[in-house]
Amino acid sequence: MKEFCGIKYKLAKSENFDEYMKALGVGLMTRKVGNSVNPVLEMTIEDDVYTIKSSSTFKNTVTTFKLGEEFDEETPDGRKVKSIVTAEGDNKLVQIQKGDKETKIVREFSKEEVVMTLTIDDIVCTRTYKVM
């Protein structure tokens, strides 16, 4: 995963994000803002501690974790969840968020893009970030 560190990826395409946010119970105004911004993602790893930063004009978030260890997280829409992230292969991070509803977030990294697949119930959202 270290080969993808320090690369900035900007949201280029988003499919079904509004439906995903609705399923989470996100309000209309927050959904409108969430659908209008193009965040930038960047990952770093230091001493087995992963940090994923998401920056936008609406909100900046920093998620810090160790693989396989549960941690408390506040989502960009303000929900408090328990999360755990595991690695699959050399380029995929799989995150399970448990709160009122359980969500699965898969981030698949390459040198050109990050494909983020978010799943809740039977709703699947795909967000593609391209290298800046």
N, C-alpha and C. Protein backbone atom coordinates (compact mmCIF):
# COMPACT_ATOMS: atom_id res chain seq x y z
N MET A 1 0.81 -1.21 0.00
CA MET A 1 0.00 0.00 0.00
C MET A 1 0.85 1.27 0.00
N LYS A 2 2.09 1.15 0.48
CA LYS A 2 2.93 2.35 0.59
C LYS A 2 3.15 3.04 -0.75
N GLU A 3 3.09 2.28 -1.85
CA GLU A 3 3.32 2.89 -3.17
C GLU A 3 2.23 3.90 -3.54
N PHE A 4 1.10 3.88 -2.85
CA PHE A 4 0.01 4.81 -3.13
C PHE A 4 -0.01 6.00 -2.18
N CYS A 5 0.94 6.02 -1.25
CA CYS A 5 1.01 7.11 -0.28
C CYS A 5 1.48 8.40 -0.93
N GLY A 6 0.91 9.50 -0.46
CA GLY A 6 1.33 10.82 -0.93
C GLY A 6 0.75 11.21 -2.27
N ILE A 7 -0.01 10.32 -2.89
CA ILE A 7 -0.66 10.64 -4.17
C ILE A 7 -2.00 11.30 -3.85
N LYS A 8 -2.29 12.40 -4.52
CA LYS A 8 -3.58 13.07 -4.32
C LYS A 8 -4.52 12.68 -5.46
N TYR A 9 -5.69 12.22 -5.05
CA TYR A 9 -6.71 11.78 -5.99
C TYR A 9 -7.95 12.66 -5.82
N LYS A 10 -8.50 13.19 -6.92
CA LYS A 10 -9.68 14.05 -6.84
C LYS A 10 -10.89 13.33 -7.42
N LEU A 11 -12.03 13.49 -6.74
CA LEU A 11 -13.25 12.85 -7.21
C LEU A 11 -13.56 13.27 -8.64
N ALA A 12 -13.70 12.27 -9.53
CA ALA A 12 -13.98 12.54 -10.94
C ALA A 12 -15.37 12.07 -11.34
N LYS A 13 -15.87 11.02 -10.66
CA LYS A 13 -17.16 10.45 -11.04
C LYS A 13 -17.83 9.83 -9.81
N SER A 14 -19.14 10.02 -9.71
CA SER A 14 -19.87 9.48 -8.57
C SER A 14 -21.21 8.93 -9.06
N GLU A 15 -21.49 7.68 -8.69
CA GLU A 15 -22.74 7.05 -9.11
C GLU A 15 -23.51 6.58 -7.88
N ASN A 16 -24.77 7.00 -7.78
CA ASN A 16 -25.69 6.53 -6.75
C ASN A 16 -25.38 7.06 -5.34
N PHE A 17 -24.63 8.16 -5.25
CA PHE A 17 -24.23 8.69 -3.95
C PHE A 17 -25.44 9.23 -3.18
N ASP A 18 -26.37 9.88 -3.88
CA ASP A 18 -27.54 10.43 -3.20
C ASP A 18 -28.37 9.30 -2.57
N GLU A 19 -28.57 8.21 -3.29
CA GLU A 19 -29.33 7.07 -2.76
C GLU A 19 -28.62 6.47 -1.55
N TYR A 20 -27.29 6.39 -1.62
CA TYR A 20 -26.50 5.87 -0.51
C TYR A 20 -26.69 6.76 0.73
N MET A 21 -26.57 8.07 0.54
CA MET A 21 -26.74 9.00 1.67
C MET A 21 -28.16 8.93 2.24
N LYS A 22 -29.18 8.81 1.37
CA LYS A 22 -30.56 8.67 1.83
C LYS A 22 -30.70 7.45 2.73
N ALA A 23 -30.10 6.33 2.32
CA ALA A 23 -30.19 5.08 3.10
C ALA A 23 -29.54 5.24 4.47
N LEU A 24 -28.57 6.13 4.57
CA LEU A 24 -27.91 6.40 5.86
C LEU A 24 -28.72 7.37 6.72
N GLY A 25 -29.74 7.97 6.13
CA GLY A 25 -30.55 8.92 6.88
C GLY A 25 -30.01 10.33 6.83
N VAL A 26 -29.15 10.64 5.85
CA VAL A 26 -28.58 11.98 5.71
C VAL A 26 -29.67 12.92 5.19
N GLY A 27 -29.78 14.10 5.81
CA GLY A 27 -30.79 15.08 5.44
C GLY A 27 -30.56 15.69 4.06
N LEU A 28 -31.62 16.29 3.52
CA LEU A 28 -31.60 16.84 2.16
C LEU A 28 -30.49 17.86 1.95
N MET A 29 -30.34 18.83 2.85
CA MET A 29 -29.33 19.88 2.65
C MET A 29 -27.92 19.29 2.64
N THR A 30 -27.63 18.40 3.56
CA THR A 30 -26.31 17.79 3.60
C THR A 30 -26.08 16.96 2.34
N ARG A 31 -27.11 16.27 1.85
CA ARG A 31 -26.98 15.49 0.61
C ARG A 31 -26.68 16.40 -0.57
N LYS A 32 -27.37 17.54 -0.63
CA LYS A 32 -27.12 18.47 -1.74
C LYS A 32 -25.67 18.93 -1.75
N VAL A 33 -25.18 19.30 -0.57
CA VAL A 33 -23.78 19.74 -0.48
C VAL A 33 -22.85 18.57 -0.81
N GLY A 34 -23.12 17.41 -0.25
CA GLY A 34 -22.28 16.23 -0.50
C GLY A 34 -22.20 15.87 -1.97
N ASN A 35 -23.30 16.06 -2.68
CA ASN A 35 -23.31 15.76 -4.12
C ASN A 35 -22.62 16.83 -4.95
N SER A 36 -22.38 18.01 -4.38
CA SER A 36 -21.84 19.12 -5.17
C SER A 36 -20.32 19.28 -5.04
N VAL A 37 -19.70 18.59 -4.08
CA VAL A 37 -18.27 18.78 -3.87
C VAL A 37 -17.47 17.64 -4.49
N ASN A 38 -16.22 17.95 -4.83
CA ASN A 38 -15.29 16.96 -5.39
C ASN A 38 -14.07 16.84 -4.47
N PRO A 39 -14.20 16.01 -3.43
CA PRO A 39 -13.10 15.93 -2.46
C PRO A 39 -11.82 15.35 -3.05
N VAL A 40 -10.72 15.66 -2.36
CA VAL A 40 -9.40 15.13 -2.70
C VAL A 40 -9.02 14.14 -1.61
N LEU A 41 -8.60 12.94 -2.00
CA LEU A 41 -8.16 11.90 -1.08
C LEU A 41 -6.65 11.79 -1.10
N GLU A 42 -6.07 11.54 0.08
CA GLU A 42 -4.64 11.27 0.17
C GLU A 42 -4.41 10.32 1.34
N MET A 43 -3.57 9.32 1.13
CA MET A 43 -3.27 8.34 2.17
C MET A 43 -1.79 8.40 2.54
N THR A 44 -1.53 8.25 3.84
CA THR A 44 -0.15 8.10 4.32
C THR A 44 -0.11 6.91 5.27
N ILE A 45 1.06 6.33 5.41
CA ILE A 45 1.27 5.23 6.36
C ILE A 45 2.57 5.50 7.10
N GLU A 46 2.50 5.46 8.43
CA GLU A 46 3.70 5.65 9.24
C GLU A 46 3.63 4.70 10.42
N ASP A 47 4.62 3.82 10.55
CA ASP A 47 4.67 2.85 11.64
C ASP A 47 3.37 2.05 11.76
N ASP A 48 2.88 1.51 10.66
CA ASP A 48 1.65 0.71 10.61
C ASP A 48 0.38 1.50 10.92
N VAL A 49 0.47 2.82 11.01
CA VAL A 49 -0.71 3.66 11.22
C VAL A 49 -1.07 4.31 9.88
N TYR A 50 -2.27 4.02 9.43
CA TYR A 50 -2.77 4.57 8.17
C TYR A 50 -3.53 5.85 8.45
N THR A 51 -3.39 6.83 7.58
CA THR A 51 -4.17 8.06 7.65
C THR A 51 -4.74 8.33 6.26
N ILE A 52 -6.06 8.48 6.19
CA ILE A 52 -6.70 8.86 4.93
C ILE A 52 -7.33 10.22 5.16
N LYS A 53 -6.88 11.20 4.35
CA LYS A 53 -7.42 12.56 4.44
C LYS A 53 -8.35 12.78 3.25
N SER A 54 -9.50 13.37 3.55
CA SER A 54 -10.43 13.79 2.51
C SER A 54 -10.66 15.28 2.70
N SER A 55 -10.34 16.05 1.66
CA SER A 55 -10.43 17.51 1.75
C SER A 55 -11.39 18.03 0.69
N SER A 56 -12.27 18.95 1.10
CA SER A 56 -13.17 19.60 0.15
C SER A 56 -13.53 20.98 0.69
N THR A 57 -14.24 21.74 -0.12
CA THR A 57 -14.67 23.06 0.31
C THR A 57 -15.74 22.95 1.40
N PHE A 58 -16.39 21.79 1.51
CA PHE A 58 -17.45 21.58 2.51
C PHE A 58 -16.87 21.11 3.84
N LYS A 59 -16.02 20.10 3.81
CA LYS A 59 -15.54 19.52 5.05
C LYS A 59 -14.23 18.78 4.80
N ASN A 60 -13.36 18.82 5.78
CA ASN A 60 -12.12 18.03 5.74
C ASN A 60 -12.23 16.96 6.81
N THR A 61 -11.88 15.72 6.45
CA THR A 61 -11.90 14.64 7.42
C THR A 61 -10.56 13.93 7.40
N VAL A 62 -10.17 13.42 8.55
CA VAL A 62 -8.95 12.64 8.70
C VAL A 62 -9.33 11.36 9.43
N THR A 63 -9.05 10.23 8.82
CA THR A 63 -9.32 8.93 9.43
C THR A 63 -7.99 8.24 9.67
N THR A 64 -7.71 7.92 10.93
CA THR A 64 -6.45 7.29 11.30
C THR A 64 -6.75 5.94 11.94
N PHE A 65 -6.01 4.90 11.50
CA PHE A 65 -6.31 3.55 11.99
C PHE A 65 -5.13 2.62 11.78
N LYS A 66 -5.17 1.50 12.48
CA LYS A 66 -4.28 0.37 12.25
C LYS A 66 -5.12 -0.76 11.67
N LEU A 67 -4.58 -1.47 10.73
CA LEU A 67 -5.32 -2.56 10.11
C LEU A 67 -5.77 -3.57 11.16
N GLY A 68 -7.03 -3.98 11.07
CA GLY A 68 -7.55 -5.02 11.94
C GLY A 68 -7.93 -4.58 13.34
N GLU A 69 -7.76 -3.28 13.66
CA GLU A 69 -8.11 -2.79 15.00
C GLU A 69 -9.32 -1.87 14.91
N GLU A 70 -10.34 -2.17 15.73
CA GLU A 70 -11.54 -1.35 15.73
C GLU A 70 -11.23 0.04 16.29
N PHE A 71 -11.87 1.06 15.72
CA PHE A 71 -11.67 2.43 16.19
C PHE A 71 -12.98 3.20 16.09
N ASP A 72 -13.06 4.28 16.88
CA ASP A 72 -14.22 5.17 16.83
C ASP A 72 -14.02 6.17 15.71
N GLU A 73 -15.08 6.43 14.97
CA GLU A 73 -14.99 7.34 13.84
C GLU A 73 -16.23 8.22 13.80
N GLU A 74 -16.04 9.48 13.44
CA GLU A 74 -17.17 10.35 13.15
C GLU A 74 -17.20 10.56 11.65
N THR A 75 -18.30 10.20 11.02
CA THR A 75 -18.41 10.28 9.57
C THR A 75 -18.59 11.74 9.13
N PRO A 76 -18.36 12.05 7.85
CA PRO A 76 -18.51 13.43 7.39
C PRO A 76 -19.90 14.02 7.65
N ASP A 77 -20.92 13.15 7.75
CA ASP A 77 -22.28 13.66 8.02
C ASP A 77 -22.61 13.66 9.51
N GLY A 78 -21.60 13.39 10.36
CA GLY A 78 -21.76 13.55 11.79
C GLY A 78 -22.16 12.31 12.57
N ARG A 79 -22.31 11.17 11.91
CA ARG A 79 -22.65 9.94 12.64
C ARG A 79 -21.44 9.42 13.39
N LYS A 80 -21.66 8.83 14.55
CA LYS A 80 -20.59 8.21 15.32
C LYS A 80 -20.70 6.70 15.11
N VAL A 81 -19.62 6.10 14.61
CA VAL A 81 -19.62 4.68 14.27
C VAL A 81 -18.37 4.01 14.82
N LYS A 82 -18.42 2.68 14.86
CA LYS A 82 -17.24 1.86 15.12
C LYS A 82 -16.79 1.33 13.77
N SER A 83 -15.49 1.44 13.48
CA SER A 83 -14.98 0.99 12.19
C SER A 83 -13.83 0.03 12.38
N ILE A 84 -13.66 -0.81 11.37
CA ILE A 84 -12.48 -1.68 11.29
C ILE A 84 -12.09 -1.75 9.82
N VAL A 85 -10.78 -1.65 9.56
CA VAL A 85 -10.28 -1.68 8.20
C VAL A 85 -9.30 -2.85 8.06
N THR A 86 -9.46 -3.60 6.99
CA THR A 86 -8.53 -4.69 6.68
C THR A 86 -8.02 -4.49 5.25
N ALA A 87 -6.90 -5.13 4.97
CA ALA A 87 -6.33 -5.06 3.62
C ALA A 87 -6.64 -6.35 2.89
N GLU A 88 -6.94 -6.21 1.60
CA GLU A 88 -7.10 -7.36 0.72
C GLU A 88 -6.12 -7.17 -0.42
N GLY A 89 -5.16 -8.09 -0.52
CA GLY A 89 -4.16 -7.95 -1.57
C GLY A 89 -3.26 -6.76 -1.32
N ASP A 90 -2.64 -6.28 -2.40
CA ASP A 90 -1.66 -5.19 -2.29
C ASP A 90 -2.26 -3.81 -2.48
N ASN A 91 -3.55 -3.73 -2.86
CA ASN A 91 -4.06 -2.42 -3.24
C ASN A 91 -5.49 -2.15 -2.78
N LYS A 92 -6.02 -2.94 -1.86
CA LYS A 92 -7.43 -2.77 -1.49
C LYS A 92 -7.58 -2.68 0.03
N LEU A 93 -8.31 -1.65 0.48
CA LEU A 93 -8.68 -1.51 1.88
C LEU A 93 -10.19 -1.70 2.01
N VAL A 94 -10.59 -2.55 2.95
CA VAL A 94 -12.01 -2.83 3.17
C VAL A 94 -12.37 -2.35 4.57
N GLN A 95 -13.33 -1.42 4.63
CA GLN A 95 -13.74 -0.83 5.90
C GLN A 95 -15.20 -1.19 6.18
N ILE A 96 -15.44 -1.63 7.41
CA ILE A 96 -16.80 -1.88 7.88
C ILE A 96 -17.11 -0.85 8.95
N GLN A 97 -18.17 -0.07 8.73
CA GLN A 97 -18.63 0.91 9.71
C GLN A 97 -19.90 0.37 10.35
N LYS A 98 -19.90 0.33 11.69
CA LYS A 98 -21.09 -0.14 12.40
C LYS A 98 -21.65 0.99 13.25
N GLY A 99 -22.90 1.31 12.97
CA GLY A 99 -23.63 2.31 13.74
C GLY A 99 -25.08 1.90 13.72
N ASP A 100 -25.97 2.86 13.48
CA ASP A 100 -27.39 2.51 13.33
C ASP A 100 -27.56 1.55 12.15
N LYS A 101 -26.75 1.76 11.13
CA LYS A 101 -26.74 0.87 9.97
C LYS A 101 -25.29 0.48 9.69
N GLU A 102 -25.11 -0.71 9.14
CA GLU A 102 -23.75 -1.15 8.79
C GLU A 102 -23.45 -0.81 7.34
N THR A 103 -22.27 -0.28 7.12
CA THR A 103 -21.82 0.12 5.80
C THR A 103 -20.48 -0.54 5.49
N LYS A 104 -20.29 -0.91 4.24
CA LYS A 104 -19.00 -1.44 3.78
C LYS A 104 -18.43 -0.47 2.76
N ILE A 105 -17.17 -0.08 2.98
CA ILE A 105 -16.48 0.84 2.08
C ILE A 105 -15.21 0.15 1.59
N VAL A 106 -15.11 -0.04 0.29
CA VAL A 106 -13.93 -0.65 -0.31
C VAL A 106 -13.19 0.41 -1.10
N ARG A 107 -11.91 0.59 -0.81
CA ARG A 107 -11.07 1.53 -1.57
C ARG A 107 -10.03 0.71 -2.31
N GLU A 108 -10.09 0.77 -3.64
CA GLU A 108 -9.14 0.04 -4.47
C GLU A 108 -8.21 1.05 -5.14
N PHE A 109 -6.92 0.97 -4.77
CA PHE A 109 -5.93 1.95 -5.21
C PHE A 109 -5.17 1.48 -6.44
N SER A 110 -4.86 2.42 -7.32
CA SER A 110 -3.88 2.21 -8.39
C SER A 110 -3.12 3.52 -8.53
N LYS A 111 -2.11 3.54 -9.37
CA LYS A 111 -1.33 4.77 -9.56
C LYS A 111 -2.16 5.85 -10.25
N GLU A 112 -3.22 5.45 -10.97
CA GLU A 112 -4.04 6.40 -11.73
C GLU A 112 -5.30 6.83 -11.01
N GLU A 113 -5.85 5.93 -10.15
CA GLU A 113 -7.15 6.25 -9.56
C GLU A 113 -7.39 5.44 -8.28
N VAL A 114 -8.41 5.89 -7.55
CA VAL A 114 -8.96 5.12 -6.43
C VAL A 114 -10.43 4.91 -6.75
N VAL A 115 -10.86 3.66 -6.74
CA VAL A 115 -12.27 3.35 -6.92
C VAL A 115 -12.81 2.98 -5.55
N MET A 116 -13.79 3.77 -5.10
CA MET A 116 -14.37 3.59 -3.78
C MET A 116 -15.79 3.05 -3.98
N THR A 117 -16.06 1.87 -3.40
CA THR A 117 -17.38 1.26 -3.51
C THR A 117 -18.00 1.26 -2.12
N LEU A 118 -19.14 1.92 -1.99
CA LEU A 118 -19.83 2.05 -0.71
C LEU A 118 -21.13 1.25 -0.79
N THR A 119 -21.36 0.38 0.18
CA THR A 119 -22.54 -0.48 0.16
C THR A 119 -23.28 -0.38 1.49
N ILE A 120 -24.59 -0.17 1.39
CA ILE A 120 -25.46 -0.23 2.56
C ILE A 120 -26.74 -0.93 2.10
N ASP A 121 -27.15 -1.95 2.86
CA ASP A 121 -28.29 -2.77 2.47
C ASP A 121 -28.06 -3.26 1.03
N ASP A 122 -28.98 -2.95 0.11
CA ASP A 122 -28.80 -3.39 -1.28
C ASP A 122 -28.41 -2.23 -2.19
N ILE A 123 -27.97 -1.12 -1.60
CA ILE A 123 -27.58 0.07 -2.37
C ILE A 123 -26.07 0.10 -2.51
N VAL A 124 -25.60 0.24 -3.76
CA VAL A 124 -24.17 0.31 -4.03
C VAL A 124 -23.87 1.63 -4.71
N CYS A 125 -22.90 2.34 -4.17
CA CYS A 125 -22.45 3.62 -4.72
C CYS A 125 -20.99 3.45 -5.14
N THR A 126 -20.65 3.98 -6.30
CA THR A 126 -19.26 3.94 -6.77
C THR A 126 -18.77 5.35 -6.98
N ARG A 127 -17.62 5.66 -6.36
CA ARG A 127 -17.00 6.98 -6.52
C ARG A 127 -15.57 6.76 -7.01
N THR A 128 -15.25 7.39 -8.14
CA THR A 128 -13.94 7.23 -8.76
C THR A 128 -13.13 8.52 -8.61
N TYR A 129 -11.96 8.37 -8.03
CA TYR A 129 -11.03 9.49 -7.83
C TYR A 129 -9.86 9.31 -8.79
N LYS A 130 -9.48 10.38 -9.49
CA LYS A 130 -8.37 10.33 -10.44
C LYS A 130 -7.18 11.13 -9.89
N VAL A 131 -5.97 10.72 -10.27
CA VAL A 131 -4.77 11.43 -9.85
C VAL A 131 -4.85 12.87 -10.31
N MET A 132 -4.46 13.78 -9.43
CA MET A 132 -4.49 15.21 -9.78
C MET A 132 -3.27 15.58 -10.62
